[in-house]
């Protein structure tokens, strides 16, 4: 009976060593996975920061372009109004073949002008 108990103790020691080895391997694997996930998280965080910066720059550029477009449209509208006023003030001046300022421009969509054929 003592021999059976000694064998049982030896078996338990062997099983304990195997379990400890598996636990150590799992801890190492877990640490490797954790390190890989942290590296992925850091890379994605950097990509997000770059994307946000690019978006901000794009929005700023879009705002600047919109301001330039608005200014150009105001200048075109002013030029058209001046040309209309000039034609009203001097309807016969300059002869029949003179091209009037602003002639051939057509207002589109309430925002700008497009050149069109006159006839």
N, C-alpha and C. Protein backbone atom coordinates (compact mmCIF):
# COMPACT_ATOMS: atom_id res chain seq x y z
N UNK A 1 0.78 -1.17 0.00
CA UNK A 1 0.00 0.00 0.00
C UNK A 1 0.85 1.27 0.00
N UNK A 2 1.96 1.29 0.70
CA UNK A 2 2.87 2.42 0.73
C UNK A 2 3.42 2.65 -0.67
N UNK A 3 3.72 1.56 -1.37
CA UNK A 3 4.24 1.68 -2.72
C UNK A 3 3.23 2.33 -3.64
N UNK A 4 1.97 2.02 -3.46
CA UNK A 4 0.90 2.61 -4.27
C UNK A 4 0.80 4.11 -4.00
N UNK A 5 0.97 4.48 -2.71
CA UNK A 5 0.91 5.90 -2.37
C UNK A 5 2.13 6.63 -2.92
N UNK A 6 3.28 6.02 -2.84
CA UNK A 6 4.49 6.63 -3.40
C UNK A 6 4.34 6.85 -4.90
N UNK A 7 3.75 5.85 -5.55
CA UNK A 7 3.52 5.98 -7.00
C UNK A 7 2.53 7.10 -7.30
N UNK A 8 1.49 7.21 -6.48
CA UNK A 8 0.49 8.26 -6.67
C UNK A 8 1.13 9.63 -6.49
N UNK A 9 2.00 9.78 -5.48
CA UNK A 9 2.70 11.04 -5.24
C UNK A 9 3.61 11.35 -6.42
N UNK A 10 4.33 10.36 -6.92
CA UNK A 10 5.21 10.56 -8.06
C UNK A 10 4.40 10.97 -9.29
N UNK A 11 3.26 10.35 -9.51
CA UNK A 11 2.39 10.70 -10.63
C UNK A 11 1.88 12.13 -10.51
N UNK A 12 1.51 12.51 -9.29
CA UNK A 12 1.02 13.88 -9.07
C UNK A 12 2.12 14.90 -9.31
N UNK A 13 3.35 14.57 -8.90
CA UNK A 13 4.47 15.48 -9.14
C UNK A 13 4.71 15.64 -10.64
N UNK A 14 4.65 14.54 -11.35
CA UNK A 14 4.83 14.58 -12.80
C UNK A 14 3.73 15.42 -13.45
N UNK A 15 2.50 15.19 -13.02
CA UNK A 15 1.37 15.94 -13.57
C UNK A 15 1.50 17.43 -13.23
N UNK A 16 1.93 17.74 -12.00
CA UNK A 16 2.12 19.13 -11.58
C UNK A 16 3.19 19.81 -12.45
N UNK A 17 4.27 19.10 -12.70
CA UNK A 17 5.35 19.67 -13.54
C UNK A 17 4.83 19.94 -14.95
N UNK A 18 4.03 19.02 -15.47
CA UNK A 18 3.48 19.20 -16.82
C UNK A 18 2.53 20.39 -16.86
N UNK A 19 1.70 20.53 -15.83
CA UNK A 19 0.75 21.65 -15.77
C UNK A 19 1.51 22.97 -15.64
N UNK A 20 2.56 22.97 -14.82
CA UNK A 20 3.36 24.18 -14.67
C UNK A 20 4.04 24.56 -16.00
N UNK A 21 4.51 23.58 -16.72
CA UNK A 21 5.14 23.85 -18.01
C UNK A 21 4.12 24.42 -19.00
N UNK A 22 2.90 23.86 -19.01
CA UNK A 22 1.84 24.37 -19.88
C UNK A 22 1.45 25.80 -19.48
N UNK A 23 1.37 26.06 -18.18
CA UNK A 23 1.03 27.39 -17.69
C UNK A 23 2.11 28.40 -18.11
N UNK A 24 3.38 28.00 -17.99
CA UNK A 24 4.47 28.88 -18.40
C UNK A 24 4.41 29.16 -19.90
N UNK A 25 4.15 28.12 -20.69
CA UNK A 25 4.05 28.29 -22.14
C UNK A 25 2.87 29.20 -22.49
N UNK A 26 1.76 29.03 -21.77
CA UNK A 26 0.59 29.88 -22.02
C UNK A 26 0.90 31.33 -21.63
N UNK A 27 1.63 31.53 -20.56
CA UNK A 27 2.00 32.88 -20.14
C UNK A 27 2.89 33.55 -21.18
N UNK A 28 3.85 32.79 -21.72
CA UNK A 28 4.74 33.33 -22.76
C UNK A 28 3.93 33.66 -24.01
N UNK A 29 3.06 32.74 -24.41
CA UNK A 29 2.22 32.98 -25.59
C UNK A 29 1.32 34.18 -25.36
N UNK A 30 0.76 34.30 -24.16
CA UNK A 30 -0.10 35.44 -23.83
C UNK A 30 0.67 36.74 -23.90
N UNK A 31 1.91 36.73 -23.41
CA UNK A 31 2.74 37.94 -23.45
C UNK A 31 3.06 38.31 -24.90
N UNK A 32 3.32 37.30 -25.72
CA UNK A 32 3.60 37.57 -27.14
C UNK A 32 2.37 38.16 -27.83
N UNK A 33 1.21 37.59 -27.55
CA UNK A 33 -0.03 38.10 -28.14
C UNK A 33 -0.28 39.52 -27.65
N UNK A 34 -0.10 39.76 -26.37
CA UNK A 34 -0.30 41.09 -25.80
C UNK A 34 0.64 42.10 -26.46
N UNK A 35 1.89 41.72 -26.63
CA UNK A 35 2.86 42.62 -27.26
C UNK A 35 2.47 42.91 -28.71
N UNK A 36 2.03 41.88 -29.42
CA UNK A 36 1.61 42.07 -30.82
C UNK A 36 0.39 42.98 -30.89
N UNK A 37 -0.58 42.77 -30.01
CA UNK A 37 -1.77 43.60 -30.01
C UNK A 37 -1.45 45.05 -29.63
N UNK A 38 -0.54 45.23 -28.70
CA UNK A 38 -0.15 46.59 -28.34
C UNK A 38 0.55 47.29 -29.50
N UNK A 39 1.38 46.55 -30.23
CA UNK A 39 2.06 47.12 -31.41
C UNK A 39 1.03 47.50 -32.48
N UNK A 40 0.03 46.63 -32.69
CA UNK A 40 -1.02 46.94 -33.66
C UNK A 40 -1.82 48.16 -33.22
N UNK A 41 -2.12 48.23 -31.91
CA UNK A 41 -2.85 49.37 -31.37
C UNK A 41 -2.07 50.66 -31.59
N UNK A 42 -0.77 50.62 -31.33
CA UNK A 42 0.07 51.81 -31.50
C UNK A 42 0.12 52.23 -32.97
N UNK A 43 0.24 51.25 -33.87
CA UNK A 43 0.29 51.56 -35.30
C UNK A 43 -1.04 52.15 -35.77
N UNK A 44 -2.15 51.58 -35.31
CA UNK A 44 -3.45 52.10 -35.70
C UNK A 44 -3.68 53.50 -35.12
N UNK A 45 -3.20 53.72 -33.92
CA UNK A 45 -3.30 55.06 -33.32
C UNK A 45 -2.54 56.09 -34.13
N UNK A 46 -1.37 55.71 -34.60
CA UNK A 46 -0.56 56.61 -35.43
C UNK A 46 -1.26 56.87 -36.77
N UNK A 47 -1.82 55.82 -37.37
CA UNK A 47 -2.54 55.99 -38.63
C UNK A 47 -3.75 56.90 -38.44
N UNK A 48 -4.45 56.74 -37.32
CA UNK A 48 -5.61 57.59 -37.04
C UNK A 48 -5.18 59.04 -36.89
N UNK A 49 -4.10 59.27 -36.17
CA UNK A 49 -3.61 60.64 -35.99
C UNK A 49 -3.24 61.27 -37.33
N UNK A 50 -2.57 60.50 -38.19
CA UNK A 50 -2.20 61.01 -39.51
C UNK A 50 -3.44 61.31 -40.36
N UNK A 51 -4.43 60.40 -40.28
CA UNK A 51 -5.66 60.60 -41.05
C UNK A 51 -6.41 61.84 -40.57
N UNK A 52 -6.45 62.04 -39.25
CA UNK A 52 -7.13 63.22 -38.71
C UNK A 52 -6.40 64.50 -39.12
N UNK A 53 -5.07 64.46 -39.13
CA UNK A 53 -4.29 65.62 -39.54
C UNK A 53 -4.54 65.92 -41.02
N UNK A 54 -4.54 64.88 -41.84
CA UNK A 54 -4.79 65.07 -43.28
C UNK A 54 -6.21 65.60 -43.51
N UNK A 55 -7.16 65.10 -42.75
CA UNK A 55 -8.54 65.58 -42.88
C UNK A 55 -8.62 67.05 -42.51
N UNK A 56 -7.97 67.43 -41.44
CA UNK A 56 -7.96 68.84 -41.04
C UNK A 56 -7.33 69.72 -42.10
N UNK A 57 -6.23 69.26 -42.67
CA UNK A 57 -5.56 70.03 -43.73
C UNK A 57 -6.45 70.13 -44.96
N UNK A 58 -7.11 69.03 -45.29
CA UNK A 58 -8.02 69.03 -46.45
C UNK A 58 -9.19 69.97 -46.24
N UNK A 59 -9.72 69.98 -45.02
CA UNK A 59 -10.84 70.88 -44.73
C UNK A 59 -10.38 72.34 -44.79
N UNK A 60 -9.19 72.61 -44.29
CA UNK A 60 -8.65 73.97 -44.34
C UNK A 60 -8.45 74.40 -45.80
N UNK A 61 -7.90 73.51 -46.61
CA UNK A 61 -7.68 73.82 -48.02
C UNK A 61 -9.01 74.03 -48.73
N UNK A 62 -9.99 73.20 -48.41
CA UNK A 62 -11.31 73.35 -49.01
C UNK A 62 -11.93 74.69 -48.62
N UNK A 63 -11.76 75.08 -47.38
CA UNK A 63 -12.27 76.38 -46.93
C UNK A 63 -11.61 77.52 -47.67
N UNK A 64 -10.30 77.43 -47.85
CA UNK A 64 -9.58 78.48 -48.57
C UNK A 64 -10.03 78.54 -50.03
N UNK A 65 -10.19 77.38 -50.66
CA UNK A 65 -10.65 77.35 -52.05
C UNK A 65 -12.07 77.90 -52.18
N UNK A 66 -12.91 77.58 -51.21
CA UNK A 66 -14.29 78.09 -51.24
C UNK A 66 -14.28 79.61 -51.11
N UNK A 67 -13.42 80.13 -50.24
CA UNK A 67 -13.31 81.59 -50.09
C UNK A 67 -12.84 82.24 -51.39
N UNK A 68 -11.85 81.62 -52.05
CA UNK A 68 -11.38 82.15 -53.33
C UNK A 68 -12.48 82.11 -54.38
N UNK A 69 -13.23 81.02 -54.41
CA UNK A 69 -14.33 80.90 -55.37
C UNK A 69 -15.39 81.95 -55.10
N UNK A 70 -15.75 82.13 -53.84
CA UNK A 70 -16.74 83.14 -53.50
C UNK A 70 -16.28 84.54 -53.92
N UNK A 71 -15.00 84.84 -53.67
CA UNK A 71 -14.46 86.15 -54.07
C UNK A 71 -14.49 86.31 -55.59
N UNK A 72 -14.13 85.25 -56.32
CA UNK A 72 -14.15 85.31 -57.78
C UNK A 72 -15.58 85.50 -58.29
N UNK A 73 -16.53 84.85 -57.66
CA UNK A 73 -17.93 85.01 -58.07
C UNK A 73 -18.41 86.43 -57.79
N UNK A 74 -18.02 87.00 -56.65
CA UNK A 74 -18.40 88.38 -56.36
C UNK A 74 -17.79 89.33 -57.39
N UNK A 75 -16.52 89.09 -57.76
CA UNK A 75 -15.88 89.94 -58.78
C UNK A 75 -16.61 89.81 -60.12
N UNK A 76 -16.98 88.60 -60.49
CA UNK A 76 -17.69 88.38 -61.75
C UNK A 76 -19.06 89.07 -61.72
N UNK A 77 -19.75 88.96 -60.60
CA UNK A 77 -21.06 89.62 -60.49
C UNK A 77 -20.90 91.14 -60.58
N UNK A 78 -19.87 91.68 -59.92
CA UNK A 78 -19.60 93.11 -59.96
C UNK A 78 -19.27 93.54 -61.39
N UNK A 79 -18.45 92.75 -62.08
CA UNK A 79 -18.08 93.07 -63.47
C UNK A 79 -19.32 93.03 -64.36
N UNK A 80 -20.17 92.07 -64.13
CA UNK A 80 -21.41 91.97 -64.93
C UNK A 80 -22.30 93.17 -64.66
N UNK A 81 -22.42 93.57 -63.40
CA UNK A 81 -23.24 94.74 -63.06
C UNK A 81 -22.65 96.00 -63.67
N UNK A 82 -21.33 96.14 -63.63
CA UNK A 82 -20.68 97.31 -64.23
C UNK A 82 -20.88 97.33 -65.74
N UNK A 83 -20.79 96.18 -66.38
CA UNK A 83 -21.00 96.10 -67.82
C UNK A 83 -22.43 96.47 -68.18
N UNK A 84 -23.38 95.99 -67.38
CA UNK A 84 -24.78 96.32 -67.62
C UNK A 84 -25.00 97.82 -67.45
N UNK A 85 -24.41 98.38 -66.40
CA UNK A 85 -24.56 99.82 -66.17
C UNK A 85 -23.92 100.61 -67.31
N UNK A 86 -22.77 100.19 -67.79
CA UNK A 86 -22.10 100.88 -68.90
C UNK A 86 -22.97 100.85 -70.15
N UNK A 87 -23.57 99.72 -70.43
CA UNK A 87 -24.43 99.60 -71.62
C UNK A 87 -25.65 100.51 -71.49
N UNK A 88 -26.19 100.65 -70.30
CA UNK A 88 -27.37 101.50 -70.11
C UNK A 88 -27.01 102.98 -70.23
N UNK A 89 -25.81 103.34 -69.76
CA UNK A 89 -25.40 104.73 -69.80
C UNK A 89 -25.03 105.19 -71.21
N UNK A 90 -24.45 104.32 -72.00
CA UNK A 90 -24.01 104.68 -73.34
C UNK A 90 -24.43 103.59 -74.31
N UNK A 91 -25.71 103.51 -74.64
CA UNK A 91 -26.19 102.41 -75.48
C UNK A 91 -25.63 102.42 -76.90
N UNK A 92 -25.32 103.58 -77.50
CA UNK A 92 -24.86 103.60 -78.88
C UNK A 92 -23.38 103.86 -79.02
N UNK A 93 -22.68 104.02 -77.92
CA UNK A 93 -21.26 104.38 -78.00
C UNK A 93 -20.43 103.21 -78.48
N UNK A 94 -19.43 103.52 -79.31
CA UNK A 94 -18.46 102.53 -79.71
C UNK A 94 -18.78 101.78 -80.96
N UNK A 95 -19.91 101.95 -81.53
CA UNK A 95 -20.19 101.30 -82.80
C UNK A 95 -20.86 99.95 -82.60
N UNK A 96 -21.37 99.42 -83.71
CA UNK A 96 -22.16 98.19 -83.67
C UNK A 96 -21.31 96.94 -83.47
N UNK A 97 -20.02 97.00 -83.81
CA UNK A 97 -19.19 95.80 -83.72
C UNK A 97 -18.40 95.70 -82.42
N UNK A 98 -18.58 96.66 -81.54
CA UNK A 98 -17.83 96.63 -80.28
C UNK A 98 -18.39 95.52 -79.38
N UNK A 99 -17.49 94.76 -78.77
CA UNK A 99 -17.89 93.71 -77.83
C UNK A 99 -18.08 94.37 -76.48
N UNK A 100 -19.22 94.21 -75.90
CA UNK A 100 -19.52 94.84 -74.63
C UNK A 100 -18.90 94.03 -73.49
N UNK A 101 -18.46 94.74 -72.47
CA UNK A 101 -17.90 94.07 -71.29
C UNK A 101 -18.98 93.20 -70.67
N UNK A 102 -18.65 92.01 -70.38
CA UNK A 102 -19.60 91.09 -69.75
C UNK A 102 -20.48 90.37 -70.74
N UNK A 103 -20.41 90.73 -72.02
CA UNK A 103 -21.25 90.08 -73.01
C UNK A 103 -20.83 88.62 -73.14
N UNK A 104 -21.79 87.78 -73.34
CA UNK A 104 -21.50 86.36 -73.51
C UNK A 104 -21.40 85.60 -72.20
N UNK A 105 -21.70 86.26 -71.09
CA UNK A 105 -21.70 85.57 -69.80
C UNK A 105 -23.14 85.28 -69.43
N UNK A 106 -23.35 84.12 -68.91
CA UNK A 106 -24.68 83.71 -68.51
C UNK A 106 -24.61 83.23 -67.06
N UNK A 107 -25.48 83.72 -66.21
CA UNK A 107 -25.49 83.35 -64.79
C UNK A 107 -26.03 81.92 -64.67
N UNK A 108 -25.33 81.12 -63.87
CA UNK A 108 -25.78 79.73 -63.67
C UNK A 108 -25.95 79.46 -62.19
N UNK A 109 -27.04 78.86 -61.85
CA UNK A 109 -27.26 78.36 -60.49
C UNK A 109 -27.13 79.39 -59.39
N UNK A 110 -27.22 80.66 -59.67
CA UNK A 110 -27.14 81.67 -58.63
C UNK A 110 -25.76 81.86 -58.05
N UNK A 111 -24.73 81.15 -58.57
CA UNK A 111 -23.40 81.21 -57.96
C UNK A 111 -22.32 81.68 -58.92
N UNK A 112 -22.56 81.67 -60.20
CA UNK A 112 -21.46 82.04 -61.09
C UNK A 112 -21.93 82.29 -62.51
N UNK A 113 -20.96 82.42 -63.37
CA UNK A 113 -21.23 82.73 -64.76
C UNK A 113 -20.52 81.72 -65.64
N UNK A 114 -21.07 81.53 -66.83
CA UNK A 114 -20.45 80.68 -67.82
C UNK A 114 -20.48 81.43 -69.14
N UNK A 115 -19.42 81.26 -69.93
CA UNK A 115 -19.38 81.92 -71.22
C UNK A 115 -20.32 81.21 -72.18
N UNK A 116 -21.12 81.99 -72.88
CA UNK A 116 -22.02 81.38 -73.85
C UNK A 116 -21.95 82.18 -75.15
N UNK A 117 -22.34 81.57 -76.23
CA UNK A 117 -22.29 82.22 -77.54
C UNK A 117 -23.36 83.30 -77.59
N UNK A 118 -23.00 84.39 -78.21
CA UNK A 118 -23.98 85.49 -78.37
C UNK A 118 -24.38 85.55 -79.83
N UNK A 119 -25.54 86.04 -80.08
CA UNK A 119 -25.93 86.03 -81.47
C UNK A 119 -26.84 87.07 -81.86
